[in-house]
């Protein structure tokens, strides 16, 4: 899955647990939002480099790299909690 195969887009993402809807822009340079980062994670992207390869976010000024990593971390934690419900992490 390369840059050509994935188009980052503006959209919304709904957290099923809390019902919170988010369309936060993560990368201002390329207008990439949180939903796009979460979609990349769902497609198997686990690193900032994966996100960069899929849609280019993080490649211009790099000001969004920490936020991209935070979104990926949230996705990984949610996946872990889904796979191992007894290992819920309280933050």
N, C-alpha and C. Protein backbone atom coordinates (compact mmCIF):
# COMPACT_ATOMS: atom_id res chain seq x y z
N UNK A 1 0.85 -1.17 0.00
CA UNK A 1 0.00 0.00 0.00
C UNK A 1 0.89 1.23 0.00
N UNK A 2 0.97 1.90 -1.10
CA UNK A 2 1.85 3.05 -1.21
C UNK A 2 1.07 4.35 -1.23
N UNK A 3 1.80 5.42 -1.43
CA UNK A 3 1.22 6.76 -1.45
C UNK A 3 0.11 6.86 -2.49
N UNK A 4 0.30 6.23 -3.64
CA UNK A 4 -0.69 6.31 -4.70
C UNK A 4 -1.98 5.57 -4.35
N UNK A 5 -1.88 4.55 -3.52
CA UNK A 5 -3.04 3.72 -3.21
C UNK A 5 -3.91 4.29 -2.09
N UNK A 6 -3.41 5.24 -1.35
CA UNK A 6 -4.16 5.76 -0.22
C UNK A 6 -4.26 7.26 -0.33
N UNK A 7 -5.45 7.79 -0.30
CA UNK A 7 -5.65 9.23 -0.39
C UNK A 7 -6.11 9.71 0.97
N UNK A 8 -5.33 10.59 1.60
CA UNK A 8 -5.76 11.17 2.87
C UNK A 8 -6.91 12.13 2.58
N UNK A 9 -7.84 12.17 3.48
CA UNK A 9 -9.02 12.98 3.25
C UNK A 9 -9.52 13.57 4.55
N UNK A 10 -10.28 14.63 4.40
CA UNK A 10 -10.94 15.20 5.56
C UNK A 10 -12.20 14.40 5.81
N UNK A 11 -12.46 14.12 7.04
CA UNK A 11 -13.64 13.33 7.39
C UNK A 11 -13.82 13.34 8.88
N UNK A 12 -14.58 12.42 9.38
CA UNK A 12 -14.78 12.33 10.81
C UNK A 12 -14.52 10.91 11.27
N UNK A 13 -14.22 10.78 12.52
CA UNK A 13 -14.00 9.50 13.15
C UNK A 13 -14.81 9.50 14.43
N UNK A 14 -15.54 8.43 14.68
CA UNK A 14 -16.37 8.33 15.88
C UNK A 14 -15.81 7.25 16.79
N UNK A 15 -15.56 7.61 18.03
CA UNK A 15 -15.10 6.66 19.03
C UNK A 15 -16.33 5.92 19.56
N UNK A 16 -16.41 4.64 19.25
CA UNK A 16 -17.59 3.86 19.63
C UNK A 16 -17.81 3.85 21.13
N UNK A 17 -16.73 3.85 21.91
CA UNK A 17 -16.86 3.77 23.36
C UNK A 17 -17.45 5.05 23.95
N UNK A 18 -16.96 6.20 23.47
CA UNK A 18 -17.39 7.45 24.07
C UNK A 18 -18.39 8.23 23.22
N UNK A 19 -18.49 7.85 21.94
CA UNK A 19 -19.38 8.58 21.06
C UNK A 19 -18.79 9.89 20.58
N UNK A 20 -17.54 10.17 20.94
CA UNK A 20 -16.89 11.41 20.55
C UNK A 20 -16.54 11.36 19.06
N UNK A 21 -16.87 12.41 18.36
CA UNK A 21 -16.53 12.50 16.94
C UNK A 21 -15.40 13.50 16.80
N UNK A 22 -14.38 13.09 16.04
CA UNK A 22 -13.22 13.94 15.88
C UNK A 22 -12.86 14.10 14.42
N UNK A 23 -12.56 15.30 14.02
CA UNK A 23 -12.04 15.55 12.68
C UNK A 23 -10.84 16.50 12.79
N UNK A 24 -10.10 16.37 13.88
CA UNK A 24 -8.97 17.24 14.15
C UNK A 24 -7.94 17.15 13.03
N UNK A 25 -7.52 18.29 12.53
CA UNK A 25 -6.44 18.32 11.54
C UNK A 25 -5.15 18.01 12.27
N UNK A 26 -4.43 17.02 11.78
CA UNK A 26 -3.16 16.61 12.38
C UNK A 26 -2.00 17.26 11.63
N UNK A 27 -2.04 17.21 10.32
CA UNK A 27 -0.99 17.79 9.48
C UNK A 27 -1.57 18.99 8.73
N UNK A 28 -1.19 20.18 9.15
CA UNK A 28 -1.69 21.40 8.52
C UNK A 28 -1.18 21.52 7.08
N UNK A 29 0.05 21.09 6.85
CA UNK A 29 0.67 21.25 5.53
C UNK A 29 -0.10 20.49 4.44
N UNK A 30 -0.56 19.29 4.78
CA UNK A 30 -1.25 18.45 3.80
C UNK A 30 -2.72 18.25 4.12
N UNK A 31 -3.24 19.00 5.10
CA UNK A 31 -4.65 18.94 5.50
C UNK A 31 -5.09 17.50 5.78
N UNK A 32 -4.26 16.79 6.53
CA UNK A 32 -4.56 15.41 6.90
C UNK A 32 -5.15 15.39 8.30
N UNK A 33 -6.26 14.71 8.46
CA UNK A 33 -6.89 14.72 9.77
C UNK A 33 -6.69 13.40 10.52
N UNK A 34 -7.17 13.40 11.75
CA UNK A 34 -7.04 12.25 12.64
C UNK A 34 -7.69 11.01 12.05
N UNK A 35 -8.83 11.18 11.38
CA UNK A 35 -9.52 10.04 10.79
C UNK A 35 -8.65 9.34 9.76
N UNK A 36 -7.91 10.09 8.98
CA UNK A 36 -7.02 9.50 7.98
C UNK A 36 -5.91 8.70 8.65
N UNK A 37 -5.36 9.22 9.74
CA UNK A 37 -4.30 8.51 10.47
C UNK A 37 -4.86 7.21 11.05
N UNK A 38 -6.06 7.27 11.61
CA UNK A 38 -6.70 6.07 12.17
C UNK A 38 -7.00 5.04 11.08
N UNK A 39 -7.39 5.52 9.91
CA UNK A 39 -7.65 4.61 8.80
C UNK A 39 -6.35 3.92 8.35
N UNK A 40 -5.28 4.66 8.29
CA UNK A 40 -3.98 4.08 7.94
C UNK A 40 -3.61 3.00 8.96
N UNK A 41 -3.84 3.27 10.25
CA UNK A 41 -3.55 2.26 11.28
C UNK A 41 -4.42 1.03 11.06
N UNK A 42 -5.68 1.22 10.75
CA UNK A 42 -6.58 0.09 10.51
C UNK A 42 -6.14 -0.75 9.31
N UNK A 43 -5.44 -0.12 8.39
CA UNK A 43 -4.93 -0.81 7.20
C UNK A 43 -3.56 -1.43 7.44
N UNK A 44 -3.05 -1.31 8.67
CA UNK A 44 -1.78 -1.95 9.01
C UNK A 44 -0.62 -1.01 9.25
N UNK A 45 -0.83 0.28 9.09
CA UNK A 45 0.23 1.25 9.36
C UNK A 45 0.43 1.43 10.86
N UNK A 46 1.67 1.26 11.32
CA UNK A 46 1.91 1.35 12.76
C UNK A 46 2.95 2.40 13.14
N UNK A 47 3.59 3.00 12.16
CA UNK A 47 4.65 3.97 12.46
C UNK A 47 4.39 5.28 11.73
N UNK A 48 5.07 6.33 12.18
CA UNK A 48 4.99 7.63 11.51
C UNK A 48 5.48 7.47 10.07
N UNK A 49 6.48 6.64 9.87
CA UNK A 49 6.99 6.38 8.53
C UNK A 49 5.92 5.76 7.64
N UNK A 50 5.12 4.86 8.20
CA UNK A 50 4.01 4.26 7.43
C UNK A 50 3.02 5.34 7.00
N UNK A 51 2.70 6.25 7.91
CA UNK A 51 1.77 7.33 7.59
C UNK A 51 2.36 8.19 6.49
N UNK A 52 3.62 8.55 6.62
CA UNK A 52 4.31 9.34 5.59
C UNK A 52 4.24 8.64 4.23
N UNK A 53 4.50 7.34 4.22
CA UNK A 53 4.48 6.59 2.96
C UNK A 53 3.09 6.51 2.35
N UNK A 54 2.06 6.47 3.18
CA UNK A 54 0.69 6.35 2.68
C UNK A 54 0.15 7.67 2.16
N UNK A 55 0.41 8.76 2.87
CA UNK A 55 -0.24 10.01 2.46
C UNK A 55 0.66 11.24 2.52
N UNK A 56 1.89 11.09 2.97
CA UNK A 56 2.82 12.21 3.00
C UNK A 56 2.79 13.05 4.27
N UNK A 57 1.82 12.82 5.14
CA UNK A 57 1.74 13.61 6.38
C UNK A 57 3.03 13.45 7.17
N UNK A 58 3.54 14.56 7.68
CA UNK A 58 4.78 14.55 8.44
C UNK A 58 6.01 14.81 7.59
N UNK A 59 5.81 14.97 6.29
CA UNK A 59 6.95 15.09 5.39
C UNK A 59 7.38 16.52 5.11
N UNK A 60 6.55 17.48 5.41
CA UNK A 60 6.89 18.86 5.05
C UNK A 60 7.63 19.54 6.20
N UNK A 61 6.93 20.11 7.14
CA UNK A 61 7.61 20.83 8.23
C UNK A 61 7.91 19.93 9.43
N UNK A 62 7.29 18.75 9.50
CA UNK A 62 7.45 17.76 10.58
C UNK A 62 6.87 18.23 11.91
N UNK A 63 6.12 19.29 11.91
CA UNK A 63 5.51 19.78 13.13
C UNK A 63 4.42 18.88 13.68
N UNK A 64 3.94 17.96 12.87
CA UNK A 64 2.84 17.08 13.27
C UNK A 64 3.30 15.70 13.70
N UNK A 65 4.59 15.42 13.62
CA UNK A 65 5.09 14.07 13.87
C UNK A 65 4.69 13.56 15.26
N UNK A 66 4.80 14.39 16.28
CA UNK A 66 4.44 13.96 17.63
C UNK A 66 2.95 13.65 17.74
N UNK A 67 2.12 14.42 17.05
CA UNK A 67 0.68 14.18 17.09
C UNK A 67 0.33 12.92 16.30
N UNK A 68 0.98 12.71 15.17
CA UNK A 68 0.78 11.47 14.41
C UNK A 68 1.12 10.28 15.30
N UNK A 69 2.25 10.36 16.00
CA UNK A 69 2.66 9.26 16.88
C UNK A 69 1.64 9.05 17.99
N UNK A 70 1.10 10.13 18.55
CA UNK A 70 0.11 10.02 19.63
C UNK A 70 -1.16 9.33 19.13
N UNK A 71 -1.61 9.66 17.93
CA UNK A 71 -2.80 9.02 17.38
C UNK A 71 -2.53 7.54 17.14
N UNK A 72 -1.36 7.21 16.59
CA UNK A 72 -1.00 5.81 16.38
C UNK A 72 -0.93 5.06 17.71
N UNK A 73 -0.39 5.71 18.74
CA UNK A 73 -0.32 5.09 20.07
C UNK A 73 -1.72 4.80 20.62
N UNK A 74 -2.64 5.76 20.44
CA UNK A 74 -4.02 5.56 20.88
C UNK A 74 -4.66 4.37 20.16
N UNK A 75 -4.40 4.28 18.86
CA UNK A 75 -4.95 3.17 18.07
C UNK A 75 -4.39 1.83 18.56
N UNK A 76 -3.08 1.80 18.80
CA UNK A 76 -2.43 0.57 19.27
C UNK A 76 -2.98 0.16 20.63
N UNK A 77 -3.18 1.12 21.51
CA UNK A 77 -3.72 0.83 22.84
C UNK A 77 -5.15 0.30 22.73
N UNK A 78 -5.94 0.92 21.88
CA UNK A 78 -7.33 0.46 21.71
C UNK A 78 -7.35 -0.97 21.14
N UNK A 79 -6.45 -1.25 20.22
CA UNK A 79 -6.37 -2.60 19.65
C UNK A 79 -5.97 -3.60 20.72
N UNK A 80 -4.99 -3.24 21.53
CA UNK A 80 -4.53 -4.12 22.61
C UNK A 80 -5.65 -4.39 23.60
N UNK A 81 -6.38 -3.34 23.97
CA UNK A 81 -7.48 -3.49 24.91
C UNK A 81 -8.59 -4.35 24.33
N UNK A 82 -8.83 -4.24 23.03
CA UNK A 82 -9.86 -5.07 22.39
C UNK A 82 -9.44 -6.54 22.39
N UNK A 83 -8.15 -6.78 22.16
CA UNK A 83 -7.65 -8.15 22.10
C UNK A 83 -7.49 -8.78 23.47
N UNK A 84 -7.23 -7.94 24.49
CA UNK A 84 -6.99 -8.43 25.85
C UNK A 84 -7.79 -7.58 26.84
N UNK A 85 -9.09 -7.80 26.94
CA UNK A 85 -9.94 -6.94 27.77
C UNK A 85 -9.55 -6.88 29.24
N UNK A 86 -8.89 -7.90 29.74
CA UNK A 86 -8.49 -7.91 31.15
C UNK A 86 -7.27 -7.02 31.39
N UNK A 87 -6.64 -6.58 30.34
CA UNK A 87 -5.42 -5.78 30.45
C UNK A 87 -5.70 -4.30 30.22
N UNK A 88 -6.91 -3.88 30.52
CA UNK A 88 -7.26 -2.48 30.30
C UNK A 88 -6.29 -1.56 31.03
N UNK A 89 -5.86 -0.54 30.32
CA UNK A 89 -4.94 0.43 30.87
C UNK A 89 -5.74 1.65 31.29
N UNK A 90 -5.57 2.08 32.49
CA UNK A 90 -6.25 3.29 32.99
C UNK A 90 -5.28 4.45 32.87
N UNK A 91 -5.72 5.50 32.19
CA UNK A 91 -4.85 6.66 32.00
C UNK A 91 -5.45 7.84 32.70
